[in-house]
Amino acid sequence: MAAIPVINLVIPQGADFTEIFTSTETDGSTSNLNGFSGVSKLKKHPSSTSSHTFAVGITSTSGEVSIAMTAAATTTIKPGRYFYDVYLTSPSGSISRLVEGQAEVTAGITT
């Protein structure tokens, strides 16, 4: 079983946010994500019942998976440290975690 990459993020409160990840196969080639869907959430701690949802975009031929939040969405998040992950579902229903990590939401002064 391959290790799940841990990538830490910084999300500026009150600003648009986007991060792009590339899915690769064990041989290093780019994954074909045709027919895949994704979901991603941000939580204060892993067992928290409340969350903030990222929009997930998939570019199937390049293996790129993006997560994004609008400025309006990031404005509602209190500054601090959070956890996130990104899950992909294949056309056959198989679910895998693409990436995980911590996210630091930095305080917006002008918001």
Protein backbone atom coordinates (compact mmCIF):
# COMPACT_ATOMS: atom_id res chain seq x y z
CA MET A 1 0.00 0.00 0.00
CA ALA A 2 1.41 3.37 -1.01
CA ALA A 3 1.83 6.09 1.57
CA ILE A 4 -0.69 8.92 1.39
CA PRO A 5 1.08 12.24 0.72
CA VAL A 6 0.87 14.79 3.52
CA ILE A 7 0.73 18.35 2.20
CA ASN A 8 0.17 21.26 4.56
CA LEU A 9 -1.69 24.33 3.32
CA VAL A 10 -2.10 28.00 4.20
CA ILE A 11 -5.57 29.44 3.58
CA PRO A 12 -5.85 33.24 3.80
CA GLN A 13 -9.14 34.19 5.48
CA GLY A 14 -11.34 36.35 3.22
CA ALA A 15 -9.54 35.44 -0.02
CA ASP A 16 -10.22 32.97 -2.81
CA PHE A 17 -8.25 29.75 -2.28
CA THR A 18 -7.20 27.06 -4.75
CA GLU A 19 -4.69 24.22 -4.51
CA ILE A 20 -3.92 21.70 -7.27
CA PHE A 21 -2.63 18.17 -6.69
CA THR A 22 -1.53 15.68 -9.34
CA SER A 23 -2.44 12.01 -9.01
CA THR A 24 0.25 9.61 -10.21
CA GLU A 25 0.55 5.87 -10.57
CA THR A 26 3.19 3.76 -8.75
CA ASP A 27 5.41 3.96 -11.84
CA GLY A 28 5.29 7.78 -11.75
CA SER A 29 2.98 8.22 -14.72
CA THR A 30 0.00 10.56 -14.50
CA SER A 31 -3.27 8.92 -13.44
CA ASN A 32 -6.20 8.86 -15.84
CA LEU A 33 -9.08 10.10 -13.70
CA ASN A 34 -11.79 9.75 -16.34
CA GLY A 35 -15.12 9.19 -14.57
CA PHE A 36 -13.74 9.90 -11.08
CA SER A 37 -15.40 12.20 -8.58
CA GLY A 38 -13.98 13.82 -5.48
CA VAL A 39 -14.84 15.24 -2.09
CA SER A 40 -12.79 17.29 0.36
CA LYS A 41 -13.50 18.80 3.78
CA LEU A 42 -11.75 21.00 6.31
CA LYS A 43 -12.28 20.29 10.03
CA LYS A 44 -10.92 21.71 13.28
CA HIS A 45 -10.04 18.18 14.38
CA PRO A 46 -10.59 14.81 12.66
CA SER A 47 -13.58 13.79 14.81
CA SER A 48 -15.33 17.17 14.55
CA THR A 49 -18.95 17.02 13.38
CA SER A 50 -18.80 20.45 11.73
CA SER A 51 -16.80 21.05 8.57
CA HIS A 52 -16.16 23.40 5.65
CA THR A 53 -16.44 21.88 2.19
CA PHE A 54 -14.02 22.48 -0.67
CA ALA A 55 -15.21 22.47 -4.27
CA VAL A 56 -13.34 19.65 -6.03
CA GLY A 57 -12.42 19.80 -9.70
CA ILE A 58 -10.86 16.97 -11.70
CA THR A 59 -8.98 17.26 -14.99
CA SER A 60 -9.09 13.61 -15.97
CA THR A 61 -6.40 13.46 -18.67
CA SER A 62 -3.73 15.32 -16.67
CA GLY A 63 -4.52 13.67 -13.33
CA GLU A 64 -5.02 17.07 -11.71
CA VAL A 65 -7.37 17.46 -8.76
CA SER A 66 -8.10 20.94 -7.46
CA ILE A 67 -9.72 22.01 -4.23
CA ALA A 68 -11.12 25.51 -3.87
CA MET A 69 -13.10 27.87 -1.66
CA THR A 70 -14.44 31.30 -2.50
CA ALA A 71 -13.53 34.41 -0.53
CA ALA A 72 -17.05 34.37 0.94
CA ALA A 73 -16.46 30.83 2.22
CA THR A 74 -13.00 31.47 3.71
CA THR A 75 -14.32 34.58 5.49
CA THR A 76 -16.53 32.34 7.65
CA ILE A 77 -13.61 30.19 8.89
CA LYS A 78 -12.02 31.24 12.18
CA PRO A 79 -8.22 31.58 12.02
CA GLY A 80 -6.31 28.59 13.32
CA ARG A 81 -5.06 25.10 12.51
CA TYR A 82 -7.35 22.60 10.79
CA PHE A 83 -7.16 19.20 9.11
CA TYR A 84 -8.24 18.31 5.56
CA ASP A 85 -8.17 15.42 3.14
CA VAL A 86 -9.19 14.71 -0.44
CA TYR A 87 -11.01 11.49 -1.40
CA LEU A 88 -11.53 10.20 -4.93
CA THR A 89 -14.20 7.74 -6.04
CA SER A 90 -13.53 5.66 -9.18
CA PRO A 91 -16.25 4.81 -11.70
CA SER A 92 -16.48 1.33 -10.10
CA GLY A 93 -17.07 2.86 -6.64
CA SER A 94 -13.62 2.31 -5.17
CA ILE A 95 -12.70 5.10 -2.73
CA SER A 96 -9.14 6.25 -2.08
CA ARG A 97 -7.51 9.13 -0.23
CA LEU A 98 -5.40 11.24 -2.59
CA VAL A 99 -3.81 13.58 -0.04
CA GLU A 100 -4.16 14.75 3.56
CA GLY A 101 -2.64 17.33 5.84
CA GLN A 102 -3.08 20.34 8.04
CA ALA A 103 -4.27 23.75 6.94
CA GLU A 104 -3.47 27.00 8.69
CA VAL A 105 -6.19 29.62 8.20
CA THR A 106 -4.53 33.00 8.61
CA ALA A 107 -6.49 35.99 9.92
CA GLY A 108 -7.73 38.52 7.40
CA ILE A 109 -7.27 42.13 8.45
CA THR A 110 -9.32 43.78 5.70
CA THR A 111 -12.21 41.27 5.73
